Protein backbone atom coordinates (compact mmCIF):
# COMPACT_ATOMS: atom_id res chain seq x y z
CA UNK A 1 -40.52 -5.86 28.47
CA UNK A 2 -37.22 -4.59 27.39
CA UNK A 3 -33.98 -6.37 26.71
CA UNK A 4 -30.48 -5.62 27.57
CA UNK A 5 -27.07 -6.47 27.04
CA UNK A 6 -24.17 -5.28 29.81
CA UNK A 7 -20.63 -5.79 29.01
CA UNK A 8 -18.55 -4.94 32.08
CA UNK A 9 -15.49 -5.54 34.39
CA UNK A 10 -15.73 -7.94 36.97
CA UNK A 11 -13.95 -9.07 39.96
CA UNK A 12 -12.41 -12.59 39.80
CA UNK A 13 -10.33 -12.64 42.98
CA UNK A 14 -9.66 -10.44 45.99
CA UNK A 15 -7.93 -7.29 44.77
CA UNK A 16 -4.63 -6.21 46.36
CA UNK A 17 -4.22 -2.94 48.11
CA UNK A 18 -2.29 -1.54 44.85
CA UNK A 19 -4.76 -2.92 42.54
CA UNK A 20 -7.54 -1.26 44.41
CA UNK A 21 -5.81 1.90 44.43
CA UNK A 22 -5.09 1.67 40.54
CA UNK A 23 -9.01 0.94 40.10
CA UNK A 24 -10.26 4.01 41.89
CA UNK A 25 -7.36 6.38 40.73
CA UNK A 26 -6.37 5.20 37.21
CA UNK A 27 -9.07 3.22 36.13
CA UNK A 28 -11.83 5.47 37.61
CA UNK A 29 -13.62 2.34 38.65
CA UNK A 30 -14.23 2.72 42.76
CA UNK A 31 -16.14 -0.61 42.72
CA UNK A 32 -15.95 -3.75 40.68
CA UNK A 33 -18.22 -6.58 41.88
CA UNK A 34 -18.18 -10.45 41.14
CA UNK A 35 -20.31 -12.22 38.58
CA UNK A 36 -22.52 -13.82 41.43
CA UNK A 37 -23.01 -10.52 43.12
CA UNK A 38 -23.82 -8.97 39.68
CA UNK A 39 -26.59 -11.68 38.66
CA UNK A 40 -28.09 -11.37 42.23
CA UNK A 41 -28.29 -7.55 42.24
CA UNK A 42 -29.95 -7.62 38.75
CA UNK A 43 -32.43 -10.23 39.71
CA UNK A 44 -33.18 -8.53 42.83
CA UNK A 45 -34.14 -5.59 40.99
CA UNK A 46 -36.53 -7.62 38.92
CA UNK A 47 -34.54 -8.54 36.06
CA UNK A 48 -34.36 -11.97 34.32
CA UNK A 49 -30.73 -13.04 33.31
CA UNK A 50 -30.91 -15.10 30.18
CA UNK A 51 -27.01 -15.39 29.56
CA UNK A 52 -24.04 -14.54 31.64
CA UNK A 53 -20.84 -15.34 29.50
CA UNK A 54 -17.36 -14.69 31.17
CA UNK A 55 -15.33 -12.61 28.78
CA UNK A 56 -12.01 -12.62 30.61
CA UNK A 57 -10.02 -14.65 28.27
CA UNK A 58 -10.82 -12.77 24.96
CA UNK A 59 -10.71 -9.42 27.05
CA UNK A 60 -7.31 -10.29 28.57
CA UNK A 61 -5.72 -11.11 25.20
CA UNK A 62 -7.18 -7.85 23.91
CA UNK A 63 -5.88 -5.54 26.34
CA UNK A 64 -2.30 -7.15 26.08
CA UNK A 65 -2.36 -6.65 22.43
CA UNK A 66 -3.85 -2.91 22.73
CA UNK A 67 -0.97 -2.17 25.41
CA UNK A 68 1.93 -3.93 23.21
CA UNK A 69 0.46 -2.06 20.09
CA UNK A 70 0.27 1.25 21.70
CA UNK A 71 4.01 1.00 22.80
CA UNK A 72 5.13 -0.36 19.32
CA UNK A 73 3.58 2.73 17.72
CA UNK A 74 5.02 5.02 20.35
CA UNK A 75 6.63 7.74 18.10
CA UNK A 76 3.25 8.02 16.19
CA UNK A 77 1.27 8.16 19.44
CA UNK A 78 3.42 10.46 21.19
CA UNK A 79 3.52 13.11 18.11
CA UNK A 80 -0.46 12.64 17.83
CA UNK A 81 -1.32 13.18 21.57
CA UNK A 82 1.76 14.88 22.87
CA UNK A 83 4.18 13.41 25.42
CA UNK A 84 1.97 14.26 28.49
CA UNK A 85 -1.19 12.39 27.16
CA UNK A 86 1.01 9.51 25.56
CA UNK A 87 2.50 8.57 29.04
CA UNK A 88 -0.94 8.90 30.62
CA UNK A 89 -2.55 6.70 28.16
CA UNK A 90 0.38 4.47 28.14
CA UNK A 91 -0.16 4.02 32.16
CA UNK A 92 -3.39 3.30 31.88
CA UNK A 93 -3.41 0.58 29.24
CA UNK A 94 -0.47 -1.02 31.09
CA UNK A 95 -2.67 -0.71 34.44
CA UNK A 96 -5.43 -2.43 32.72
CA UNK A 97 -3.28 -5.23 31.29
CA UNK A 98 -2.00 -5.96 34.44
CA UNK A 99 -5.41 -6.23 36.25
CA UNK A 100 -6.49 -8.71 33.66
CA UNK A 101 -3.09 -10.56 33.70
CA UNK A 102 -2.74 -10.88 37.38
CA UNK A 103 -6.11 -13.00 37.14
CA UNK A 104 -8.03 -10.45 39.50
CA UNK A 105 -10.12 -8.51 37.16
CA UNK A 106 -12.20 -10.10 34.54
CA UNK A 107 -15.03 -9.33 32.06
CA UNK A 108 -18.56 -10.47 31.60
CA UNK A 109 -21.33 -10.11 29.11
CA UNK A 110 -24.99 -10.51 30.55
CA UNK A 111 -27.94 -10.39 28.54
CA UNK A 112 -31.20 -10.23 30.47
CA UNK A 113 -34.78 -8.73 30.07
CA UNK A 114 -37.34 -6.95 32.48
CA UNK A 115 -40.48 -9.09 32.52
CA UNK A 116 -43.77 -7.24 31.43
CA UNK A 117 -45.86 -6.16 34.53
């Protein structure tokens, strides 16, 4: 009888070989599914989906803003994190931004419930 909210990455189009590599090795997301498969998997597991909202546009705006803001404050963040961690985090943010901007990755909000038995 419980209710859940999931916000997750989704696949909007086929990932290039480089994008798939970045997902696995930079983002640590070995698999990202499309929304239709996500819905089917949840329903097959017995959940009722009440809402699926595409969050790709606002998330794209946000990841672009996050990357640009991080770069704009480089001196502050480089001092705080140190050069190695700053460079790693900057590359991570840029990778996420690129995945969204290329249109192959998006986001979804799913609201559902498990019916009472």
